[in-house]
Amino acid sequence: MWERYNTLGQQAMSQGKPVDAEAQFKLALQEAEKGGANDPRIATSLNNLANCYRQQGKYELAEPNYKRAIEVCSRVKGPLSPEMVPILENYAKMLRAAGREAEAQKTEAKARAIFAKR
């Protein structure tokens, strides 16, 4: 079900239906959380939900989801895991859109450093 919810969420986003996407991403997160605190799908679900909020300009809702996605991914996969790169890049986009350029640059630098270690 987790994959289905994510797919439906992505489809809704591409169709310009962020409210529908948000509902699907929340269901995906609930499904992932059933796997326990160390289920890597949690980070993916949080990143997708945060992206949905970011694209709607709801930065106050996006940010805690990005932060939690970073925390979960770091704990489960490691702080230098390649899976961290897209989460950090997306978080940087949100920071930049929110007018927080210095923080965005620091976050992008972390993503580049991880990517360079591959």
N, C-alpha and C. Protein backbone atom coordinates (compact mmCIF):
# COMPACT_ATOMS: atom_id res chain seq x y z
N MET A 1 0.82 -1.21 0.00
CA MET A 1 0.00 0.00 0.00
C MET A 1 0.86 1.27 0.00
N TRP A 2 2.03 1.18 0.65
CA TRP A 2 2.88 2.36 0.75
C TRP A 2 3.23 2.90 -0.64
N GLU A 3 3.67 2.01 -1.53
CA GLU A 3 4.03 2.44 -2.88
C GLU A 3 2.84 3.03 -3.61
N ARG A 4 1.70 2.43 -3.42
CA ARG A 4 0.48 2.92 -4.08
C ARG A 4 0.15 4.33 -3.63
N TYR A 5 0.20 4.58 -2.31
CA TYR A 5 -0.08 5.92 -1.80
C TYR A 5 0.91 6.94 -2.36
N ASN A 6 2.18 6.57 -2.40
CA ASN A 6 3.18 7.49 -2.94
C ASN A 6 2.94 7.77 -4.41
N THR A 7 2.63 6.73 -5.17
CA THR A 7 2.36 6.91 -6.59
C THR A 7 1.15 7.82 -6.80
N LEU A 8 0.09 7.58 -6.04
CA LEU A 8 -1.10 8.42 -6.15
C LEU A 8 -0.79 9.86 -5.75
N GLY A 9 0.04 10.03 -4.74
CA GLY A 9 0.44 11.37 -4.32
C GLY A 9 1.22 12.09 -5.41
N GLN A 10 2.16 11.38 -6.03
CA GLN A 10 2.95 11.98 -7.12
C GLN A 10 2.06 12.34 -8.31
N GLN A 11 1.11 11.46 -8.62
CA GLN A 11 0.19 11.74 -9.72
C GLN A 11 -0.65 12.98 -9.43
N ALA A 12 -1.14 13.07 -8.20
CA ALA A 12 -1.95 14.23 -7.81
C ALA A 12 -1.13 15.52 -7.91
N MET A 13 0.13 15.46 -7.50
CA MET A 13 0.99 16.65 -7.60
C MET A 13 1.16 17.06 -9.06
N SER A 14 1.42 16.08 -9.92
CA SER A 14 1.64 16.40 -11.34
C SER A 14 0.37 16.91 -12.02
N GLN A 15 -0.79 16.58 -11.43
CA GLN A 15 -2.07 17.06 -11.97
C GLN A 15 -2.51 18.37 -11.33
N GLY A 16 -1.65 18.93 -10.47
CA GLY A 16 -1.99 20.20 -9.82
C GLY A 16 -3.04 20.07 -8.74
N LYS A 17 -3.04 18.92 -8.06
CA LYS A 17 -4.01 18.67 -6.99
C LYS A 17 -3.27 18.44 -5.67
N PRO A 18 -2.69 19.51 -5.11
CA PRO A 18 -1.87 19.34 -3.91
C PRO A 18 -2.63 18.84 -2.68
N VAL A 19 -3.90 19.17 -2.57
CA VAL A 19 -4.68 18.70 -1.41
C VAL A 19 -4.84 17.19 -1.47
N ASP A 20 -5.11 16.67 -2.66
CA ASP A 20 -5.21 15.21 -2.84
C ASP A 20 -3.85 14.56 -2.59
N ALA A 21 -2.80 15.19 -3.08
CA ALA A 21 -1.45 14.65 -2.90
C ALA A 21 -1.10 14.59 -1.42
N GLU A 22 -1.40 15.66 -0.71
CA GLU A 22 -1.12 15.71 0.73
C GLU A 22 -1.79 14.54 1.45
N ALA A 23 -3.04 14.26 1.12
CA ALA A 23 -3.76 13.16 1.76
C ALA A 23 -3.08 11.82 1.47
N GLN A 24 -2.64 11.62 0.23
CA GLN A 24 -1.98 10.37 -0.13
C GLN A 24 -0.63 10.23 0.56
N PHE A 25 0.13 11.32 0.63
CA PHE A 25 1.44 11.27 1.29
C PHE A 25 1.30 11.02 2.79
N LYS A 26 0.23 11.55 3.38
CA LYS A 26 -0.01 11.28 4.80
C LYS A 26 -0.33 9.81 5.02
N LEU A 27 -1.10 9.22 4.11
CA LEU A 27 -1.40 7.79 4.20
C LEU A 27 -0.13 6.96 4.03
N ALA A 28 0.73 7.38 3.11
CA ALA A 28 2.00 6.68 2.90
C ALA A 28 2.85 6.75 4.16
N LEU A 29 2.88 7.90 4.81
CA LEU A 29 3.64 8.04 6.05
C LEU A 29 3.09 7.12 7.14
N GLN A 30 1.78 7.07 7.27
CA GLN A 30 1.16 6.17 8.26
C GLN A 30 1.54 4.72 7.98
N GLU A 31 1.53 4.36 6.72
CA GLU A 31 1.88 2.99 6.31
C GLU A 31 3.35 2.70 6.66
N ALA A 32 4.23 3.64 6.36
CA ALA A 32 5.66 3.46 6.64
C ALA A 32 5.91 3.35 8.14
N GLU A 33 5.20 4.14 8.92
CA GLU A 33 5.41 4.13 10.38
C GLU A 33 5.01 2.80 11.01
N LYS A 34 4.18 2.04 10.32
CA LYS A 34 3.82 0.71 10.82
C LYS A 34 5.04 -0.21 10.85
N GLY A 35 6.05 0.12 10.05
CA GLY A 35 7.27 -0.68 9.99
C GLY A 35 8.24 -0.39 11.13
N GLY A 36 7.91 0.54 11.99
CA GLY A 36 8.78 0.88 13.12
C GLY A 36 9.59 2.13 12.84
N ALA A 37 10.20 2.67 13.88
CA ALA A 37 10.91 3.95 13.82
C ALA A 37 12.10 3.93 12.87
N ASN A 38 12.62 2.75 12.57
CA ASN A 38 13.79 2.66 11.69
C ASN A 38 13.46 2.23 10.26
N ASP A 39 12.20 2.35 9.89
CA ASP A 39 11.81 2.00 8.52
C ASP A 39 12.25 3.15 7.60
N PRO A 40 13.13 2.88 6.63
CA PRO A 40 13.62 3.95 5.76
C PRO A 40 12.54 4.61 4.92
N ARG A 41 11.41 3.95 4.76
CA ARG A 41 10.31 4.55 3.99
C ARG A 41 9.75 5.79 4.68
N ILE A 42 9.98 5.89 5.99
CA ILE A 42 9.51 7.07 6.73
C ILE A 42 10.17 8.32 6.18
N ALA A 43 11.48 8.28 5.98
CA ALA A 43 12.20 9.45 5.45
C ALA A 43 11.68 9.83 4.07
N THR A 44 11.45 8.85 3.22
CA THR A 44 10.93 9.12 1.88
C THR A 44 9.55 9.75 1.96
N SER A 45 8.71 9.20 2.83
CA SER A 45 7.35 9.72 2.98
C SER A 45 7.35 11.15 3.50
N LEU A 46 8.20 11.41 4.47
CA LEU A 46 8.30 12.77 5.03
C LEU A 46 8.80 13.75 3.98
N ASN A 47 9.78 13.34 3.19
CA ASN A 47 10.31 14.19 2.13
C ASN A 47 9.22 14.50 1.10
N ASN A 48 8.45 13.49 0.72
CA ASN A 48 7.37 13.71 -0.25
C ASN A 48 6.31 14.67 0.31
N LEU A 49 5.94 14.47 1.56
CA LEU A 49 4.94 15.33 2.19
C LEU A 49 5.48 16.76 2.29
N ALA A 50 6.73 16.90 2.69
CA ALA A 50 7.34 18.22 2.80
C ALA A 50 7.40 18.91 1.43
N ASN A 51 7.72 18.15 0.39
CA ASN A 51 7.74 18.73 -0.96
C ASN A 51 6.36 19.24 -1.35
N CYS A 52 5.35 18.49 -0.99
CA CYS A 52 3.97 18.89 -1.28
C CYS A 52 3.67 20.22 -0.59
N TYR A 53 4.02 20.33 0.67
CA TYR A 53 3.81 21.58 1.41
C TYR A 53 4.64 22.72 0.80
N ARG A 54 5.88 22.43 0.46
CA ARG A 54 6.76 23.47 -0.11
C ARG A 54 6.17 24.03 -1.40
N GLN A 55 5.68 23.15 -2.24
CA GLN A 55 5.14 23.58 -3.52
C GLN A 55 3.86 24.41 -3.36
N GLN A 56 3.23 24.30 -2.19
CA GLN A 56 2.05 25.12 -1.88
C GLN A 56 2.43 26.40 -1.13
N GLY A 57 3.73 26.55 -0.83
CA GLY A 57 4.17 27.72 -0.08
C GLY A 57 3.92 27.60 1.41
N LYS A 58 3.63 26.40 1.88
CA LYS A 58 3.36 26.16 3.31
C LYS A 58 4.67 25.74 4.00
N TYR A 59 5.58 26.70 4.07
CA TYR A 59 6.92 26.40 4.58
C TYR A 59 6.92 26.00 6.05
N GLU A 60 5.98 26.57 6.82
CA GLU A 60 5.90 26.24 8.24
C GLU A 60 5.49 24.78 8.47
N LEU A 61 4.84 24.18 7.50
CA LEU A 61 4.49 22.75 7.56
C LEU A 61 5.58 21.90 6.91
N ALA A 62 6.22 22.42 5.90
CA ALA A 62 7.26 21.67 5.20
C ALA A 62 8.49 21.47 6.07
N GLU A 63 8.93 22.51 6.74
CA GLU A 63 10.21 22.45 7.45
C GLU A 63 10.29 21.33 8.49
N PRO A 64 9.32 21.16 9.39
CA PRO A 64 9.47 20.07 10.36
C PRO A 64 9.51 18.68 9.70
N ASN A 65 8.85 18.55 8.57
CA ASN A 65 8.88 17.27 7.86
C ASN A 65 10.25 17.03 7.23
N TYR A 66 10.85 18.07 6.66
CA TYR A 66 12.21 17.92 6.14
C TYR A 66 13.18 17.58 7.26
N LYS A 67 13.07 18.29 8.37
CA LYS A 67 13.98 18.04 9.49
C LYS A 67 13.85 16.62 10.02
N ARG A 68 12.62 16.14 10.11
CA ARG A 68 12.42 14.77 10.59
C ARG A 68 12.94 13.77 9.56
N ALA A 69 12.73 14.05 8.27
CA ALA A 69 13.25 13.16 7.21
C ALA A 69 14.77 13.07 7.30
N ILE A 70 15.42 14.20 7.52
CA ILE A 70 16.88 14.22 7.65
C ILE A 70 17.30 13.40 8.86
N GLU A 71 16.61 13.57 9.97
CA GLU A 71 16.95 12.85 11.21
C GLU A 71 16.78 11.34 11.02
N VAL A 72 15.66 10.93 10.43
CA VAL A 72 15.39 9.50 10.23
C VAL A 72 16.41 8.91 9.25
N CYS A 73 16.64 9.58 8.14
CA CYS A 73 17.58 9.07 7.14
C CYS A 73 18.98 8.97 7.73
N SER A 74 19.37 9.97 8.47
CA SER A 74 20.70 9.97 9.09
C SER A 74 20.85 8.81 10.06
N ARG A 75 19.82 8.57 10.86
CA ARG A 75 19.86 7.49 11.85
C ARG A 75 19.83 6.11 11.19
N VAL A 76 18.99 5.96 10.19
CA VAL A 76 18.78 4.64 9.57
C VAL A 76 19.83 4.31 8.52
N LYS A 77 20.17 5.27 7.69
CA LYS A 77 21.09 5.03 6.57
C LYS A 77 22.49 5.59 6.81
N GLY A 78 22.61 6.50 7.76
CA GLY A 78 23.89 7.14 8.03
C GLY A 78 23.90 8.57 7.52
N PRO A 79 24.61 9.46 8.21
CA PRO A 79 24.60 10.88 7.85
C PRO A 79 25.25 11.19 6.50
N LEU A 80 26.03 10.27 5.98
CA LEU A 80 26.68 10.49 4.69
C LEU A 80 26.08 9.61 3.58
N SER A 81 24.91 9.09 3.85
CA SER A 81 24.23 8.22 2.90
C SER A 81 23.79 9.00 1.66
N PRO A 82 23.90 8.39 0.48
CA PRO A 82 23.42 9.07 -0.74
C PRO A 82 21.93 9.43 -0.68
N GLU A 83 21.17 8.70 0.13
CA GLU A 83 19.74 8.99 0.27
C GLU A 83 19.48 10.35 0.92
N MET A 84 20.52 10.89 1.58
CA MET A 84 20.39 12.20 2.22
C MET A 84 20.38 13.33 1.19
N VAL A 85 21.01 13.13 0.06
CA VAL A 85 21.20 14.20 -0.92
C VAL A 85 19.88 14.82 -1.38
N PRO A 86 18.91 14.04 -1.88
CA PRO A 86 17.68 14.69 -2.35
C PRO A 86 16.89 15.38 -1.23
N ILE A 87 16.94 14.82 -0.04
CA ILE A 87 16.23 15.46 1.09
C ILE A 87 16.86 16.81 1.38
N LEU A 88 18.19 16.84 1.47
CA LEU A 88 18.88 18.10 1.74
C LEU A 88 18.66 19.11 0.61
N GLU A 89 18.68 18.65 -0.63
CA GLU A 89 18.44 19.55 -1.77
C GLU A 89 17.04 20.15 -1.72
N ASN A 90 16.07 19.32 -1.39
CA ASN A 90 14.69 19.81 -1.30
C ASN A 90 14.53 20.79 -0.15
N TYR A 91 15.16 20.48 0.98
CA TYR A 91 15.10 21.38 2.12
C TYR A 91 15.74 22.72 1.77
N ALA A 92 16.85 22.68 1.04
CA ALA A 92 17.50 23.92 0.60
C ALA A 92 16.58 24.74 -0.30
N LYS A 93 15.84 24.08 -1.17
CA LYS A 93 14.87 24.80 -2.03
C LYS A 93 13.84 25.53 -1.18
N MET A 94 13.37 24.84 -0.12
CA MET A 94 12.39 25.46 0.76
C MET A 94 12.98 26.65 1.50
N LEU A 95 14.20 26.47 2.00
CA LEU A 95 14.86 27.56 2.72
C LEU A 95 15.03 28.78 1.81
N ARG A 96 15.44 28.54 0.58
CA ARG A 96 15.63 29.62 -0.38
C ARG A 96 14.29 30.30 -0.67
N ALA A 97 13.25 29.52 -0.89
CA ALA A 97 11.93 30.09 -1.18
C ALA A 97 11.40 30.90 0.00
N ALA A 98 11.82 30.52 1.21
CA ALA A 98 11.39 31.23 2.41
C ALA A 98 12.27 32.43 2.71
N GLY A 99 13.23 32.71 1.82
CA GLY A 99 14.09 33.87 2.00
C GLY A 99 15.23 33.66 2.97
N ARG A 100 15.61 32.41 3.17
CA ARG A 100 16.67 32.07 4.12
C ARG A 100 17.90 31.56 3.35
N GLU A 101 18.47 32.46 2.57
CA GLU A 101 19.54 32.11 1.62
C GLU A 101 20.77 31.50 2.29
N ALA A 102 21.22 32.08 3.40
CA ALA A 102 22.43 31.57 4.06
C ALA A 102 22.24 30.12 4.50
N GLU A 103 21.08 29.81 5.07
CA GLU A 103 20.79 28.44 5.49
C GLU A 103 20.69 27.52 4.28
N ALA A 104 20.09 28.02 3.20
CA ALA A 104 19.97 27.22 1.98
C ALA A 104 21.35 26.86 1.44
N GLN A 105 22.27 27.82 1.45
CA GLN A 105 23.62 27.55 0.95
C GLN A 105 24.34 26.52 1.80
N LYS A 106 24.19 26.60 3.12
CA LYS A 106 24.82 25.61 4.01
C LYS A 106 24.26 24.22 3.75
N THR A 107 22.95 24.14 3.57
CA THR A 107 22.29 22.85 3.34
C THR A 107 22.72 22.27 2.00
N GLU A 108 22.81 23.11 0.98
CA GLU A 108 23.29 22.65 -0.33
C GLU A 108 24.73 22.18 -0.25
N ALA A 109 25.53 22.86 0.53
CA ALA A 109 26.94 22.46 0.68
C ALA A 109 27.03 21.07 1.31
N LYS A 110 26.18 20.78 2.27
CA LYS A 110 26.14 19.43 2.88
C LYS A 110 25.78 18.40 1.82
N ALA A 111 24.77 18.70 1.01
CA ALA A 111 24.34 17.77 -0.04
C ALA A 111 25.48 17.53 -1.04
N ARG A 112 26.16 18.60 -1.45
CA ARG A 112 27.27 18.45 -2.40
C ARG A 112 28.40 17.62 -1.82
N ALA A 113 28.69 17.83 -0.53
CA ALA A 113 29.76 17.08 0.12
C ALA A 113 29.45 15.58 0.16
N ILE A 114 28.20 15.25 0.44
CA ILE A 114 27.79 13.84 0.47
C ILE A 114 27.87 13.27 -0.95
N PHE A 115 27.38 14.04 -1.91
CA PHE A 115 27.39 13.57 -3.30
C PHE A 115 28.82 13.34 -3.78
N ALA A 116 29.73 14.20 -3.40
CA ALA A 116 31.13 14.09 -3.83
C ALA A 116 31.81 12.85 -3.27
N LYS A 117 31.33 12.32 -2.17
CA LYS A 117 31.95 11.14 -1.53
C LYS A 117 31.53 9.83 -2.20
N ARG A 118 30.59 9.89 -3.09
CA ARG A 118 30.11 8.66 -3.74
C ARG A 118 31.20 8.00 -4.53
